[in-house]
Protein backbone atom coordinates (compact mmCIF):
# COMPACT_ATOMS: atom_id res chain seq x y z
CA MET A 1 22.32 -10.73 -8.68
CA SER A 2 23.41 -13.17 -11.36
CA ALA A 3 22.83 -12.56 -15.07
CA PRO A 4 20.02 -15.19 -15.25
CA ARG A 5 18.28 -13.63 -12.27
CA ARG A 6 18.56 -10.15 -13.78
CA PHE A 7 17.10 -11.47 -17.03
CA ALA A 8 14.22 -13.18 -15.20
CA PHE A 9 13.53 -10.02 -13.24
CA PHE A 10 13.25 -7.76 -16.26
CA VAL A 11 11.18 -10.32 -18.20
CA ALA A 12 8.75 -10.44 -15.28
CA LEU A 13 8.67 -6.67 -15.17
CA ALA A 14 7.96 -6.44 -18.89
CA LEU A 15 5.12 -8.94 -18.61
CA ALA A 16 3.68 -6.98 -15.70
CA GLY A 17 3.75 -3.87 -17.86
CA VAL A 18 1.84 -5.66 -20.61
CA SER A 19 -0.75 -6.77 -18.07
CA ALA A 20 -1.12 -3.22 -16.78
CA GLY A 21 -1.65 -1.99 -20.33
CA CYS A 22 -4.68 -4.27 -20.62
CA HIS A 23 -6.34 -2.65 -17.60
CA LYS A 24 -9.44 -1.22 -19.37
CA GLN A 25 -11.00 2.11 -18.43
CA GLN A 26 -14.66 3.01 -18.79
CA ASP A 27 -15.95 6.33 -20.12
CA ASP A 28 -16.31 7.67 -16.57
CA GLY A 29 -12.59 7.11 -15.99
CA ARG A 30 -13.03 4.17 -13.62
CA PRO A 31 -11.30 0.85 -14.35
CA GLU A 32 -13.74 -1.78 -15.54
CA SER A 33 -12.54 -4.03 -12.71
CA ALA A 34 -13.63 -1.45 -10.10
CA ARG A 35 -17.17 -0.86 -11.30
CA GLY A 36 -18.67 -3.52 -9.01
CA PHE A 37 -17.53 -1.46 -6.01
CA PRO A 38 -18.89 1.89 -4.80
CA ARG A 39 -17.16 5.06 -5.89
CA ALA A 40 -15.23 6.86 -3.13
CA ASP A 41 -16.94 10.02 -1.90
CA ARG A 42 -13.74 12.07 -1.69
CA PRO A 43 -11.29 13.88 -3.94
CA VAL A 44 -7.93 12.26 -4.56
CA SER A 45 -4.51 13.86 -4.42
CA ASN A 46 -2.57 14.10 -7.63
CA LEU A 47 0.28 11.63 -7.78
CA SER A 48 3.22 13.38 -6.18
CA GLY A 49 6.91 12.72 -6.57
CA ASN A 50 8.00 9.37 -5.20
CA GLY A 51 10.22 11.04 -2.59
CA PHE A 52 8.07 12.22 0.34
CA SER A 53 11.21 13.92 1.68
CA SER A 54 14.88 13.02 1.53
CA GLU A 55 15.91 9.72 3.08
CA THR A 56 18.52 11.53 5.17
CA GLU A 57 15.84 13.83 6.60
CA ARG A 58 13.57 10.90 7.34
CA ASP A 59 16.33 8.96 9.03
CA SER A 60 17.31 12.01 11.07
CA VAL A 61 14.02 11.66 12.97
CA ASN A 62 14.10 7.83 12.94
CA GLU A 63 10.92 7.63 10.86
CA ALA A 64 11.34 4.09 9.50
CA GLN A 65 12.67 2.71 12.77
CA THR A 66 9.72 4.21 14.66
CA VAL A 67 7.18 2.76 12.25
CA MET A 68 8.85 -0.67 12.07
CA ASP A 69 9.04 -0.81 15.88
CA LEU A 70 5.35 0.06 16.19
CA ALA A 71 4.52 -2.59 13.58
CA ASP A 72 6.67 -5.13 15.45
CA ILE A 73 8.69 -6.06 12.35
CA GLY A 74 11.14 -8.86 13.08
CA GLU A 75 13.41 -11.35 11.38
CA GLY A 76 11.78 -13.90 9.12
CA MET A 77 8.60 -11.90 8.50
CA SER A 78 6.99 -11.42 5.10
CA VAL A 79 6.12 -7.79 4.34
CA ALA A 80 4.63 -5.92 1.37
CA ASP A 81 5.55 -2.29 0.74
CA ILE A 82 2.77 -0.81 -1.42
CA GLY A 83 3.50 2.43 -3.20
CA ALA A 84 7.17 1.77 -2.58
CA GLY A 85 8.41 4.63 -4.75
CA GLU A 86 12.15 5.09 -4.41
CA GLY A 87 12.34 2.33 -1.81
CA TYR A 88 12.90 4.17 1.47
CA TYR A 89 10.90 1.58 3.42
CA THR A 90 11.70 -1.32 1.11
CA VAL A 91 15.43 -1.34 1.82
CA ARG A 92 14.97 -0.82 5.56
CA LEU A 93 12.33 -3.53 5.80
CA ALA A 94 14.67 -5.87 3.91
CA GLN A 95 17.37 -5.24 6.49
CA ARG A 96 14.96 -5.73 9.40
CA VAL A 97 13.40 -9.02 8.23
CA GLY A 98 16.80 -10.50 7.35
CA SER A 99 17.78 -13.26 4.98
CA GLU A 100 14.95 -15.54 6.14
CA GLY A 101 12.31 -12.84 5.57
CA ARG A 102 10.80 -11.50 2.37
CA VAL A 103 9.78 -8.04 1.14
CA LEU A 104 7.57 -7.42 -1.88
CA ALA A 105 7.88 -3.85 -3.17
CA GLN A 106 4.98 -2.68 -5.34
CA ASP A 107 4.13 0.53 -7.18
CA ILE A 108 1.75 1.51 -9.98
CA ASP A 109 4.35 3.71 -11.70
CA PRO A 110 6.39 1.64 -14.20
CA ASP A 111 9.29 4.10 -14.01
CA ALA A 112 9.38 3.83 -10.22
CA VAL A 113 9.29 0.03 -10.45
CA ARG A 114 12.16 0.05 -12.94
CA ASP A 115 14.29 2.41 -10.85
CA LEU A 116 13.58 0.52 -7.65
CA GLY A 117 14.55 -2.74 -9.35
CA LEU A 118 17.91 -1.21 -10.26
CA ARG A 119 18.39 -0.05 -6.67
CA ILE A 120 17.56 -3.49 -5.28
CA GLU A 121 20.05 -5.04 -7.66
CA ARG A 122 22.70 -2.44 -6.85
CA GLU A 123 22.29 -2.93 -3.09
CA ARG A 124 22.18 -6.74 -3.50
CA LEU A 125 18.96 -7.19 -1.55
CA ASP A 126 18.22 -10.80 -2.41
CA ASN A 127 15.18 -10.96 -0.13
CA VAL A 128 13.24 -8.31 -2.13
CA SER A 129 10.88 -8.86 -5.06
CA ILE A 130 9.36 -6.15 -7.28
CA LYS A 131 5.82 -5.98 -8.66
CA LEU A 132 3.75 -3.56 -10.73
CA GLY A 133 0.34 -2.95 -9.19
CA ALA A 134 -2.91 -1.34 -10.34
CA GLU A 135 -4.92 1.55 -8.94
CA ASP A 136 -7.71 -0.76 -7.77
CA ASP A 137 -5.67 -3.90 -7.06
CA PRO A 138 -2.35 -4.32 -5.23
CA ARG A 139 -1.99 -7.72 -6.96
CA LEU A 140 -0.67 -9.50 -3.89
CA PRO A 141 -0.57 -13.30 -3.56
CA ALA A 142 -3.09 -14.71 -1.11
CA ASN A 143 -2.16 -15.64 2.47
CA SER A 144 1.38 -14.33 2.05
CA PHE A 145 2.08 -11.36 4.33
CA ASP A 146 2.45 -10.65 8.03
CA ARG A 147 2.35 -6.91 7.37
CA VAL A 148 1.29 -4.75 4.42
CA PHE A 149 2.68 -1.18 4.50
CA LEU A 150 0.79 1.77 2.98
CA VAL A 151 3.04 4.72 3.83
CA HIS A 152 2.05 8.23 2.69
CA MET A 153 0.21 6.78 -0.30
CA TYR A 154 -3.32 5.71 0.72
CA HIS A 155 -4.74 9.18 0.01
CA GLU A 156 -3.75 8.67 -3.65
CA VAL A 157 -5.79 5.47 -4.01
CA GLU A 158 -8.69 6.33 -6.32
CA GLU A 159 -10.62 3.08 -5.75
CA PRO A 160 -10.18 2.41 -2.03
CA TYR A 161 -12.98 -0.16 -1.67
CA ALA A 162 -11.80 -2.36 -4.54
CA PHE A 163 -8.19 -1.88 -3.46
CA LEU A 164 -8.77 -2.87 0.19
CA TRP A 165 -11.15 -5.70 -0.73
CA ARG A 166 -8.46 -7.23 -2.97
CA LEU A 167 -5.71 -6.58 -0.44
CA ARG A 168 -7.37 -8.37 2.49
CA PRO A 169 -6.85 -11.99 1.27
CA ALA A 170 -3.08 -11.35 1.11
CA LEU A 171 -2.84 -11.22 4.91
CA ARG A 172 -1.73 -14.26 6.82
CA LYS A 173 -3.55 -15.21 10.01
CA GLY A 174 -2.79 -12.45 12.51
CA GLY A 175 -1.51 -10.15 9.76
CA SER A 176 -2.00 -6.38 9.71
CA VAL A 177 -2.18 -3.44 7.34
CA ILE A 178 -0.02 -0.51 8.41
CA VAL A 179 -1.01 3.00 7.29
CA VAL A 180 1.12 6.11 7.79
CA ASP A 181 -0.51 9.30 6.57
CA VAL A 182 -1.20 12.94 7.42
CA ASP A 183 -4.34 14.40 8.99
CA ARG A 184 -5.43 16.81 6.25
CA PRO A 185 -7.82 16.78 3.26
CA THR A 186 -7.44 14.00 0.72
CA ASP A 187 -6.75 16.44 -2.10
CA SER A 188 -3.86 17.90 -0.05
CA HIS A 189 -1.87 14.68 0.27
CA GLY A 190 -3.42 13.39 3.47
CA ILE A 191 -6.57 11.79 4.84
CA PRO A 192 -8.52 12.59 8.02
CA PRO A 193 -8.29 9.63 10.42
CA ALA A 194 -12.07 9.29 10.75
CA LEU A 195 -12.43 8.88 6.99
CA LEU A 196 -9.57 6.38 6.91
CA PHE A 197 -11.18 4.32 9.69
CA CYS A 198 -14.54 4.37 7.91
CA GLU A 199 -13.17 3.20 4.56
CA PHE A 200 -11.24 0.34 6.14
CA GLU A 201 -14.25 -0.72 8.22
CA ALA A 202 -16.45 -0.70 5.12
CA ALA A 203 -14.03 -3.12 3.43
CA GLY A 204 -13.96 -5.56 6.34
CA PHE A 205 -11.19 -4.34 8.63
CA ARG A 206 -11.06 -3.10 12.21
CA LEU A 207 -8.74 -0.51 13.72
CA ALA A 208 -6.27 -2.21 16.09
CA GLU A 209 -3.95 0.69 16.95
CA PHE A 210 -3.64 4.43 16.31
CA VAL A 211 -0.64 6.61 17.24
CA ARG A 212 0.45 10.15 16.44
CA LYS A 213 4.22 10.76 16.43
CA PRO A 214 6.24 13.68 14.98
CA GLN A 215 8.82 11.23 13.61
CA MET A 216 6.26 9.90 11.14
CA GLN A 217 5.27 13.33 9.81
CA GLY A 218 1.72 12.28 10.53
CA TYR A 219 0.00 9.34 12.20
CA TYR A 220 0.26 5.54 12.37
CA ALA A 221 -2.75 3.24 12.09
CA ARG A 222 -2.82 -0.56 12.18
CA PHE A 223 -5.78 -2.55 10.83
CA GLU A 224 -6.73 -6.22 11.05
CA ALA A 225 -9.25 -8.26 9.07
CA ALA A 226 -12.56 -8.49 10.93
CA GLY A 227 -15.37 -10.93 10.23
CA PRO A 228 -16.33 -12.20 6.78
CA ILE A 229 -15.23 -10.13 3.82
CA PRO A 230 -18.23 -8.15 2.50
CA ALA A 231 -19.64 -8.65 -0.97
CA PRO A 232 -18.59 -5.74 -3.22
CA ASP A 233 -22.18 -4.60 -3.76
CA ALA A 234 -22.80 -4.66 0.01
CA ILE A 235 -20.06 -2.11 0.78
CA ARG A 236 -21.50 1.22 1.90
CA PRO A 237 -19.27 4.14 0.86
CA CYS A 238 -18.20 6.65 3.50
CA ARG A 239 -19.30 10.24 3.18
CA LEU A 240 -16.54 12.82 3.26
CA ALA A 241 -18.45 15.09 5.64
CA GLY A 242 -18.44 13.40 9.04
CA SER A 243 -16.90 10.24 7.55
CA ALA A 244 -20.08 8.23 8.17
CA PRO A 245 -21.27 5.49 5.80
CA ALA A 246 -23.67 6.69 3.15
CA ALA A 247 -27.22 5.46 3.30
CA ALA A 248 -27.90 2.42 1.20
CA SER A 249 -29.52 3.29 -2.11
């Protein structure tokens, strides 16, 4: 990466950090921008370390290759890696989509974004961009992505309805959201599939594919946009017990 490009990258990162600092919180701890959406009826896992397990261990069971094959990732595609952390999927997606493809790596942790930016520069991945997100908004450009990856991170999303509602417009026609997670309680770094399905359906998605494979240390789910996007105040939150939508108040 040339000196001007490095300068532009870090200026953009600094501006993103300023924007994140202006993300107001209400007294109840919820971002002001999320208050038009229902509160999730589930506990949320504490933010864990950005490394789910070592990259060598994950490659030893072909985790990324398995997930990218299931998601049908090919050259020239545009992909977002949300909650990118240390970049395990980011760098492998960049290799898979090739020079004509694009990868946007996003995280809400400024330190992770900074470190990933240095890795992208070090590995000379010119088809990767970096972005700082928010807990209720992935901040993705509209109509831009063939696939959006949420790998071992969705259970940490505190405002799932606002987050998914704002994610949906980023999908291109025929685009999909890819979730890899673990079937266990949401406060134990996982999410039961039935609850996952319910939250996505409430935000205007439909389940297109579901697979369990040991290589993924959990399960794979693929979602597509379905029908008109619901109004925020029309979203019915899912109950944790039984994962059924709550009755309208």
